[in-house]
Amino acid sequence: MMKNLFDRLGLFTLYTSSLAGKYVVGISTADGFGANKVATELTGIVSGMFGHGYVTGILGAMRSGKRIEDKPKALQRARELGFKLVADIERRRRYPFQALFPRMMTVLIVRRFILRNILDNREDRMKAVYENLVARGVIRPVTKAGDLREKLASN
């Protein structure tokens, strides 16, 4: 259920960069294999078109049919990851090389097309995204057709 929520929020969060500057950890449990993959996918939500967040770490714990309470090593790793998350927040640690290539591609190529899509559809299917970005001061409101051409030229 939680992964479904993240999948559905993914595009909104990507387009609005709502988690820019935030710190996250990805934690997942599974009876079999795949916990690390899900934990990694959950942290992907910090990427955004207009900013990015920081991934402190991930933890994928295989339960193997047991309750997580019966997996002391997994609990200890979760505790350590929690301490690391707090330390990152307190120190305002930056991860400048984290997801560097995708971030560069976003800034150099993708963001312009996404911004055009948001601005072109600001009154219907991208209304929530547009209003979020304007309210947070990420983009200036478009008041007339000439503003749109000017805004796209400057980005």
Protein backbone atom coordinates (compact mmCIF):
# COMPACT_ATOMS: atom_id res chain seq x y z
CA MET A 1 0.00 0.00 0.00
CA MET A 2 2.77 2.44 0.88
CA LYS A 3 4.66 1.77 -2.35
CA ASN A 4 1.42 2.39 -4.28
CA LEU A 5 1.08 5.75 -2.53
CA PHE A 6 4.66 6.67 -3.44
CA ASP A 7 4.12 5.56 -7.04
CA ARG A 8 1.05 7.78 -7.30
CA LEU A 9 2.73 10.76 -5.67
CA GLY A 10 5.89 10.25 -7.69
CA LEU A 11 5.13 12.51 -10.67
CA PHE A 12 3.66 15.28 -8.52
CA THR A 13 6.70 15.18 -6.24
CA LEU A 14 9.06 14.98 -9.24
CA TYR A 15 7.44 17.96 -10.98
CA THR A 16 7.14 20.12 -7.85
CA SER A 17 10.42 19.08 -6.20
CA SER A 18 8.47 19.01 -2.93
CA LEU A 19 11.23 17.08 -1.18
CA ALA A 20 14.08 19.32 -2.34
CA GLY A 21 16.50 19.86 0.53
CA LYS A 22 14.93 17.09 2.63
CA TYR A 23 16.68 13.98 3.92
CA VAL A 24 15.25 10.52 3.47
CA VAL A 25 16.04 6.89 4.10
CA GLY A 26 14.54 3.99 2.24
CA ILE A 27 13.47 1.04 4.39
CA SER A 28 11.69 -2.06 3.19
CA THR A 29 11.09 -5.57 4.46
CA ALA A 30 10.24 -8.65 2.42
CA ASP A 31 9.75 -12.34 3.00
CA GLY A 32 12.06 -13.06 0.08
CA PHE A 33 14.32 -11.13 -2.20
CA GLY A 34 13.64 -7.59 -3.39
CA ALA A 35 13.68 -5.57 -0.17
CA ASN A 36 16.79 -3.61 -1.23
CA LYS A 37 15.26 -2.82 -4.61
CA VAL A 38 12.07 -1.48 -3.06
CA ALA A 39 14.02 0.53 -0.47
CA THR A 40 16.08 2.07 -3.28
CA GLU A 41 12.99 2.84 -5.37
CA LEU A 42 11.36 4.58 -2.41
CA THR A 43 14.27 7.02 -2.18
CA GLY A 44 13.82 8.00 -5.82
CA ILE A 45 11.00 10.30 -4.77
CA VAL A 46 13.54 12.94 -3.61
CA SER A 47 14.56 13.73 -7.18
CA GLY A 48 12.87 16.75 -8.67
CA MET A 49 12.81 19.06 -11.64
CA PHE A 50 13.67 22.17 -9.62
CA GLY A 51 15.73 20.72 -6.76
CA HIS A 52 16.66 17.47 -5.06
CA GLY A 53 16.75 15.89 -1.65
CA TYR A 54 19.39 13.76 0.00
CA VAL A 55 19.40 10.01 0.53
CA THR A 56 21.09 9.15 3.79
CA GLY A 57 20.89 5.44 3.10
CA ILE A 58 18.75 2.40 2.42
CA LEU A 59 17.90 -0.76 4.29
CA GLY A 60 16.29 -3.80 2.75
CA ALA A 61 15.63 -6.45 5.36
CA MET A 62 14.72 -10.01 4.42
CA ARG A 63 12.36 -11.44 7.04
CA SER A 64 12.47 -15.03 5.73
CA GLY A 65 9.09 -15.78 7.29
CA LYS A 66 10.04 -14.30 10.66
CA ARG A 67 8.77 -11.19 12.39
CA ILE A 68 11.13 -8.25 12.00
CA GLU A 69 11.39 -8.12 15.80
CA ASP A 70 13.14 -11.48 15.57
CA LYS A 71 15.86 -10.10 13.28
CA PRO A 72 18.25 -8.26 15.65
CA LYS A 73 20.82 -7.44 12.94
CA ALA A 74 18.17 -5.76 10.77
CA LEU A 75 16.88 -3.80 13.77
CA GLN A 76 20.42 -2.69 14.65
CA ARG A 77 21.03 -1.56 11.05
CA ALA A 78 17.75 0.38 11.13
CA ARG A 79 18.77 2.05 14.40
CA GLU A 80 22.18 3.00 12.94
CA LEU A 81 20.52 4.38 9.82
CA GLY A 82 18.23 6.48 12.02
CA PHE A 83 21.24 7.93 13.87
CA LYS A 84 22.94 8.66 10.55
CA LEU A 85 19.79 10.44 9.30
CA VAL A 86 19.68 12.64 12.39
CA ALA A 87 23.40 13.42 12.06
CA ASP A 88 22.96 14.36 8.38
CA ILE A 89 20.12 16.73 9.26
CA GLU A 90 22.02 18.31 12.17
CA ARG A 91 25.17 18.80 10.09
CA ARG A 92 23.19 19.75 6.98
CA ARG A 93 25.28 17.27 5.10
CA ARG A 94 25.13 17.58 1.34
CA TYR A 95 25.68 14.77 -1.10
CA PRO A 96 26.99 16.70 -4.13
CA PHE A 97 27.71 13.63 -6.23
CA GLN A 98 24.52 11.74 -5.41
CA ALA A 99 22.60 11.04 -8.64
CA LEU A 100 24.86 13.54 -10.39
CA PHE A 101 24.31 12.39 -13.98
CA PRO A 102 20.49 12.32 -13.78
CA ARG A 103 20.50 15.73 -12.08
CA MET A 104 22.72 17.17 -14.83
CA MET A 105 20.43 15.76 -17.54
CA THR A 106 17.44 17.26 -15.76
CA VAL A 107 18.98 20.73 -15.57
CA LEU A 108 20.43 20.71 -19.07
CA ILE A 109 17.65 19.02 -21.04
CA VAL A 110 14.55 17.70 -19.31
CA ARG A 111 13.49 20.61 -17.08
CA ARG A 112 12.73 22.93 -20.01
CA PHE A 113 10.27 20.43 -21.53
CA ILE A 114 8.62 19.71 -18.19
CA LEU A 115 8.26 23.43 -17.47
CA ARG A 116 6.64 23.93 -20.88
CA ASN A 117 4.21 21.10 -20.11
CA ILE A 118 3.37 22.60 -16.71
CA LEU A 119 2.84 26.09 -18.10
CA ASP A 120 0.89 24.92 -21.17
CA ASN A 121 -1.47 22.89 -18.96
CA ARG A 122 -1.57 25.16 -15.91
CA GLU A 123 -5.35 25.54 -16.05
CA ASP A 124 -6.28 21.87 -16.26
CA ARG A 125 -4.19 18.70 -15.78
CA MET A 126 -1.12 20.50 -14.34
CA LYS A 127 -3.07 22.98 -12.23
CA ALA A 128 -2.01 21.51 -8.87
CA VAL A 129 1.64 21.35 -9.92
CA TYR A 130 1.58 24.91 -11.29
CA GLU A 131 -0.12 26.31 -8.17
CA ASN A 132 2.32 24.47 -5.90
CA LEU A 133 5.35 25.87 -7.73
CA VAL A 134 3.94 29.42 -7.78
CA ALA A 135 2.95 29.30 -4.09
CA ARG A 136 6.45 28.17 -3.11
CA GLY A 137 8.10 30.81 -5.30
CA VAL A 138 9.83 28.26 -7.55
CA ILE A 139 8.31 29.88 -10.64
CA ARG A 140 6.60 33.21 -11.19
CA PRO A 141 2.93 33.21 -12.17
CA VAL A 142 2.08 33.54 -15.85
CA THR A 143 -0.43 36.35 -16.35
CA LYS A 144 -0.59 36.63 -20.14
CA ALA A 145 0.53 34.77 -23.27
CA GLY A 146 3.68 36.90 -23.70
CA ASP A 147 4.82 35.94 -20.18
CA LEU A 148 4.77 32.29 -21.17
CA ARG A 149 7.08 32.80 -24.15
CA GLU A 150 9.41 34.96 -22.02
CA LYS A 151 9.47 32.43 -19.16
CA LEU A 152 10.27 29.53 -21.48
CA ALA A 153 13.04 31.53 -23.16
CA SER A 154 14.67 32.33 -19.81
CA ASN A 155 14.63 28.73 -18.52
